[in-house]
Amino acid sequence: MNKNLMLLATLALGGCAMTSGSNMTQLEANTWQLQGASADAFTLQVAEGKVAGKGGCNRYFGGITKLDEKTLTLAGLGSTRMACMGDLMAKEGDYLHKLTQVASYQVSGSQLVLKDASQATLLTFDAKLAE
């Protein structure tokens, strides 16, 4: 039993060390946590032609219109509609608006940077460690 746990832990930790693989593979292999956000309030996941995550206090979802080694464009973003406390609603609105402007991405180690059409950085994420 202990050998199985050690093997599982080794595989899990090895998966977090994103030192190889394509940008797309790395993008889709992780849950991304927005830098500077508390806990898991703002997250991003890309899989099977879709995007989803947490936007502050609501969950969001949408489609991907283009995805390759550098390009990422999103469409049809929607979210649940729970009331947010304090200024979280404005932060969530800003976050979701920036997602609609994404034109490209770059994965470097355990960091994801989403950029607009002029290559200006919109959002920066860190790979979220498995819990």
C-alpha atoms as a PDB file:
ATOM      1  CA  MET A   1       0.000   0.000   0.000  1.00  0.00           C
ATOM      2  CA  ASN A   2       2.800   2.446   0.880  1.00  0.00           C
ATOM      3  CA  LYS A   3       4.515   1.710  -2.448  1.00  0.00           C
ATOM      4  CA  ASN A   4       1.321   2.650  -4.271  1.00  0.00           C
ATOM      5  CA  LEU A   5       1.062   5.919  -2.347  1.00  0.00           C
ATOM      6  CA  MET A   6       4.701   6.756  -3.086  1.00  0.00           C
ATOM      7  CA  LEU A   7       4.210   6.014  -6.790  1.00  0.00           C
ATOM      8  CA  LEU A   8       1.062   8.148  -6.871  1.00  0.00           C
ATOM      9  CA  ALA A   9       2.820  11.031  -5.102  1.00  0.00           C
ATOM     10  CA  THR A  10       5.787  10.804  -7.470  1.00  0.00           C
ATOM     11  CA  LEU A  11       3.524  10.873 -10.517  1.00  0.00           C
ATOM     12  CA  ALA A  12       1.495  13.783  -9.144  1.00  0.00           C
ATOM     13  CA  LEU A  13       4.548  15.876  -8.331  1.00  0.00           C
ATOM     14  CA  GLY A  14       6.159  15.019 -11.645  1.00  0.00           C
ATOM     15  CA  GLY A  15       3.077  16.292 -13.441  1.00  0.00           C
ATOM     16  CA  CYS A  16       3.441  19.669 -11.751  1.00  0.00           C
ATOM     17  CA  ALA A  17       6.952  20.229 -13.060  1.00  0.00           C
ATOM     18  CA  MET A  18       6.053  21.462 -16.507  1.00  0.00           C
ATOM     19  CA  THR A  19       9.487  21.390 -18.098  1.00  0.00           C
ATOM     20  CA  SER A  20       8.565  19.771 -21.384  1.00  0.00           C
ATOM     21  CA  GLY A  21       5.675  19.349 -23.740  1.00  0.00           C
ATOM     22  CA  SER A  22       3.898  21.703 -26.066  1.00  0.00           C
ATOM     23  CA  ASN A  23       2.230  24.943 -25.002  1.00  0.00           C
ATOM     24  CA  MET A  24      -1.178  23.384 -25.689  1.00  0.00           C
ATOM     25  CA  THR A  25      -0.391  20.303 -23.615  1.00  0.00           C
ATOM     26  CA  GLN A  26       0.769  22.429 -20.701  1.00  0.00           C
ATOM     27  CA  LEU A  27      -2.208  24.784 -21.048  1.00  0.00           C
ATOM     28  CA  GLU A  28      -4.695  21.926 -20.905  1.00  0.00           C
ATOM     29  CA  ALA A  29      -2.895  19.919 -18.207  1.00  0.00           C
ATOM     30  CA  ASN A  30      -3.375  22.438 -15.420  1.00  0.00           C
ATOM     31  CA  THR A  31      -5.857  24.441 -13.469  1.00  0.00           C
ATOM     32  CA  TRP A  32      -4.565  28.007 -13.472  1.00  0.00           C
ATOM     33  CA  GLN A  33      -4.834  30.414 -10.522  1.00  0.00           C
ATOM     34  CA  LEU A  34      -4.826  34.153 -11.236  1.00  0.00           C
ATOM     35  CA  GLN A  35      -1.760  35.802  -9.717  1.00  0.00           C
ATOM     36  CA  GLY A  36      -2.603  38.057  -6.793  1.00  0.00           C
ATOM     37  CA  ALA A  37      -6.034  36.509  -6.216  1.00  0.00           C
ATOM     38  CA  SER A  38      -6.848  34.991  -2.851  1.00  0.00           C
ATOM     39  CA  ALA A  39      -7.459  31.261  -2.488  1.00  0.00           C
ATOM     40  CA  ASP A  40      -9.052  29.846  -5.645  1.00  0.00           C
ATOM     41  CA  ALA A  41     -11.318  32.819  -6.393  1.00  0.00           C
ATOM     42  CA  PHE A  42     -10.148  33.277 -10.007  1.00  0.00           C
ATOM     43  CA  THR A  43      -9.239  30.132 -11.929  1.00  0.00           C
ATOM     44  CA  LEU A  44      -9.001  28.971 -15.530  1.00  0.00           C
ATOM     45  CA  GLN A  45      -9.207  25.508 -17.063  1.00  0.00           C
ATOM     46  CA  VAL A  46      -8.946  24.658 -20.765  1.00  0.00           C
ATOM     47  CA  ALA A  47     -10.048  21.237 -21.999  1.00  0.00           C
ATOM     48  CA  GLU A  48     -11.809  19.636 -24.939  1.00  0.00           C
ATOM     49  CA  GLY A  49     -12.432  22.898 -26.786  1.00  0.00           C
ATOM     50  CA  LYS A  50     -13.939  24.620 -23.780  1.00  0.00           C
ATOM     51  CA  VAL A  51     -12.881  27.005 -21.057  1.00  0.00           C
ATOM     52  CA  ALA A  52     -14.232  27.116 -17.514  1.00  0.00           C
ATOM     53  CA  GLY A  53     -13.314  28.346 -14.075  1.00  0.00           C
ATOM     54  CA  LYS A  54     -14.172  30.576 -11.159  1.00  0.00           C
ATOM     55  CA  GLY A  55     -14.553  34.289 -11.701  1.00  0.00           C
ATOM     56  CA  GLY A  56     -14.559  35.600  -8.157  1.00  0.00           C
ATOM     57  CA  CYS A  57     -17.874  34.392  -6.836  1.00  0.00           C
ATOM     58  CA  ASN A  58     -19.448  32.834  -9.934  1.00  0.00           C
ATOM     59  CA  ARG A  59     -18.405  29.991 -12.171  1.00  0.00           C
ATOM     60  CA  TYR A  60     -17.927  30.778 -15.848  1.00  0.00           C
ATOM     61  CA  PHE A  61     -17.772  28.705 -19.007  1.00  0.00           C
ATOM     62  CA  GLY A  62     -17.375  29.197 -22.724  1.00  0.00           C
ATOM     63  CA  GLY A  63     -16.090  27.948 -26.011  1.00  0.00           C
ATOM     64  CA  ILE A  64     -12.730  28.181 -27.708  1.00  0.00           C
ATOM     65  CA  THR A  65     -12.835  29.431 -31.286  1.00  0.00           C
ATOM     66  CA  LYS A  66      -9.123  28.978 -31.971  1.00  0.00           C
ATOM     67  CA  LEU A  67      -6.391  27.116 -30.116  1.00  0.00           C
ATOM     68  CA  ASP A  68      -2.905  26.293 -31.320  1.00  0.00           C
ATOM     69  CA  GLU A  69       0.625  26.611 -29.915  1.00  0.00           C
ATOM     70  CA  LYS A  70       0.302  30.400 -29.472  1.00  0.00           C
ATOM     71  CA  THR A  71      -3.260  31.406 -30.302  1.00  0.00           C
ATOM     72  CA  LEU A  72      -6.220  31.241 -27.944  1.00  0.00           C
ATOM     73  CA  THR A  73      -9.521  32.953 -28.629  1.00  0.00           C
ATOM     74  CA  LEU A  74     -12.652  32.493 -26.548  1.00  0.00           C
ATOM     75  CA  ALA A  75     -16.316  32.993 -27.403  1.00  0.00           C
ATOM     76  CA  GLY A  76     -19.722  32.579 -25.860  1.00  0.00           C
ATOM     77  CA  LEU A  77     -18.630  33.192 -22.277  1.00  0.00           C
ATOM     78  CA  GLY A  78     -21.382  32.819 -19.725  1.00  0.00           C
ATOM     79  CA  SER A  79     -21.533  32.555 -15.956  1.00  0.00           C
ATOM     80  CA  THR A  80     -23.745  31.763 -13.047  1.00  0.00           C
ATOM     81  CA  ARG A  81     -25.381  34.849 -11.515  1.00  0.00           C
ATOM     82  CA  MET A  82     -24.860  34.774  -7.771  1.00  0.00           C
ATOM     83  CA  ALA A  83     -24.598  38.085  -5.934  1.00  0.00           C
ATOM     84  CA  CYS A  84     -21.051  39.005  -4.957  1.00  0.00           C
ATOM     85  CA  MET A  85     -19.947  40.751  -1.767  1.00  0.00           C
ATOM     86  CA  GLY A  86     -18.163  44.115  -1.794  1.00  0.00           C
ATOM     87  CA  ASP A  87     -16.149  45.008  -4.871  1.00  0.00           C
ATOM     88  CA  LEU A  88     -15.896  41.383  -6.004  1.00  0.00           C
ATOM     89  CA  MET A  89     -18.620  41.878  -8.635  1.00  0.00           C
ATOM     90  CA  ALA A  90     -16.578  44.634 -10.332  1.00  0.00           C
ATOM     91  CA  LYS A  91     -13.396  42.526 -10.167  1.00  0.00           C
ATOM     92  CA  GLU A  92     -15.254  39.578 -11.653  1.00  0.00           C
ATOM     93  CA  GLY A  93     -16.666  41.757 -14.456  1.00  0.00           C
ATOM     94  CA  ASP A  94     -13.172  43.053 -15.261  1.00  0.00           C
ATOM     95  CA  TYR A  95     -11.751  39.517 -15.244  1.00  0.00           C
ATOM     96  CA  LEU A  96     -14.452  38.171 -17.575  1.00  0.00           C
ATOM     97  CA  HIS A  97     -14.080  41.172 -19.893  1.00  0.00           C
ATOM     98  CA  LYS A  98     -10.328  40.542 -20.163  1.00  0.00           C
ATOM     99  CA  LEU A  99     -11.020  36.903 -21.065  1.00  0.00           C
ATOM    100  CA  THR A 100     -13.071  38.091 -24.062  1.00  0.00           C
ATOM    101  CA  GLN A 101     -10.022  40.052 -25.276  1.00  0.00           C
ATOM    102  CA  VAL A 102      -7.573  37.120 -25.224  1.00  0.00           C
ATOM    103  CA  ALA A 103      -5.836  36.543 -28.549  1.00  0.00           C
ATOM    104  CA  SER A 104      -2.736  34.583 -27.535  1.00  0.00           C
ATOM    105  CA  TYR A 105      -1.080  32.817 -24.646  1.00  0.00           C
ATOM    106  CA  GLN A 106       2.342  31.810 -23.441  1.00  0.00           C
ATOM    107  CA  VAL A 107       3.223  29.059 -20.984  1.00  0.00           C
ATOM    108  CA  SER A 108       6.600  29.369 -19.315  1.00  0.00           C
ATOM    109  CA  GLY A 109       7.322  26.837 -16.586  1.00  0.00           C
ATOM    110  CA  SER A 110       4.381  27.007 -14.204  1.00  0.00           C
ATOM    111  CA  GLN A 111       3.172  30.413 -15.422  1.00  0.00           C
ATOM    112  CA  LEU A 112       0.494  31.229 -18.009  1.00  0.00           C
ATOM    113  CA  VAL A 113       0.232  34.674 -19.580  1.00  0.00           C
ATOM    114  CA  LEU A 114      -2.838  35.651 -21.606  1.00  0.00           C
ATOM    115  CA  LYS A 115      -2.327  38.504 -24.103  1.00  0.00           C
ATOM    116  CA  ASP A 116      -4.527  40.657 -26.315  1.00  0.00           C
ATOM    117  CA  ALA A 117      -4.141  41.179 -30.080  1.00  0.00           C
ATOM    118  CA  SER A 118      -1.393  43.788 -29.560  1.00  0.00           C
ATOM    119  CA  GLN A 119       0.515  41.340 -27.297  1.00  0.00           C
ATOM    120  CA  ALA A 120      -0.211  43.368 -24.154  1.00  0.00           C
ATOM    121  CA  THR A 121      -0.512  41.181 -21.058  1.00  0.00           C
ATOM    122  CA  LEU A 122      -4.110  40.848 -19.859  1.00  0.00           C
ATOM    123  CA  LEU A 123      -3.890  38.192 -17.145  1.00  0.00           C
ATOM    124  CA  THR A 124      -1.124  36.151 -15.531  1.00  0.00           C
ATOM    125  CA  PHE A 125      -1.757  32.804 -13.842  1.00  0.00           C
ATOM    126  CA  ASP A 126       0.224  30.237 -11.875  1.00  0.00           C
ATOM    127  CA  ALA A 127      -0.345  26.509 -12.184  1.00  0.00           C
ATOM    128  CA  LYS A 128      -2.450  25.453  -9.228  1.00  0.00           C
ATOM    129  CA  LEU A 129      -0.922  22.585  -7.279  1.00  0.00           C
ATOM    130  CA  ALA A 130      -3.057  19.486  -6.950  1.00  0.00           C
ATOM    131  CA  GLU A 131      -4.695  19.239  -3.543  1.00  0.00           C
END
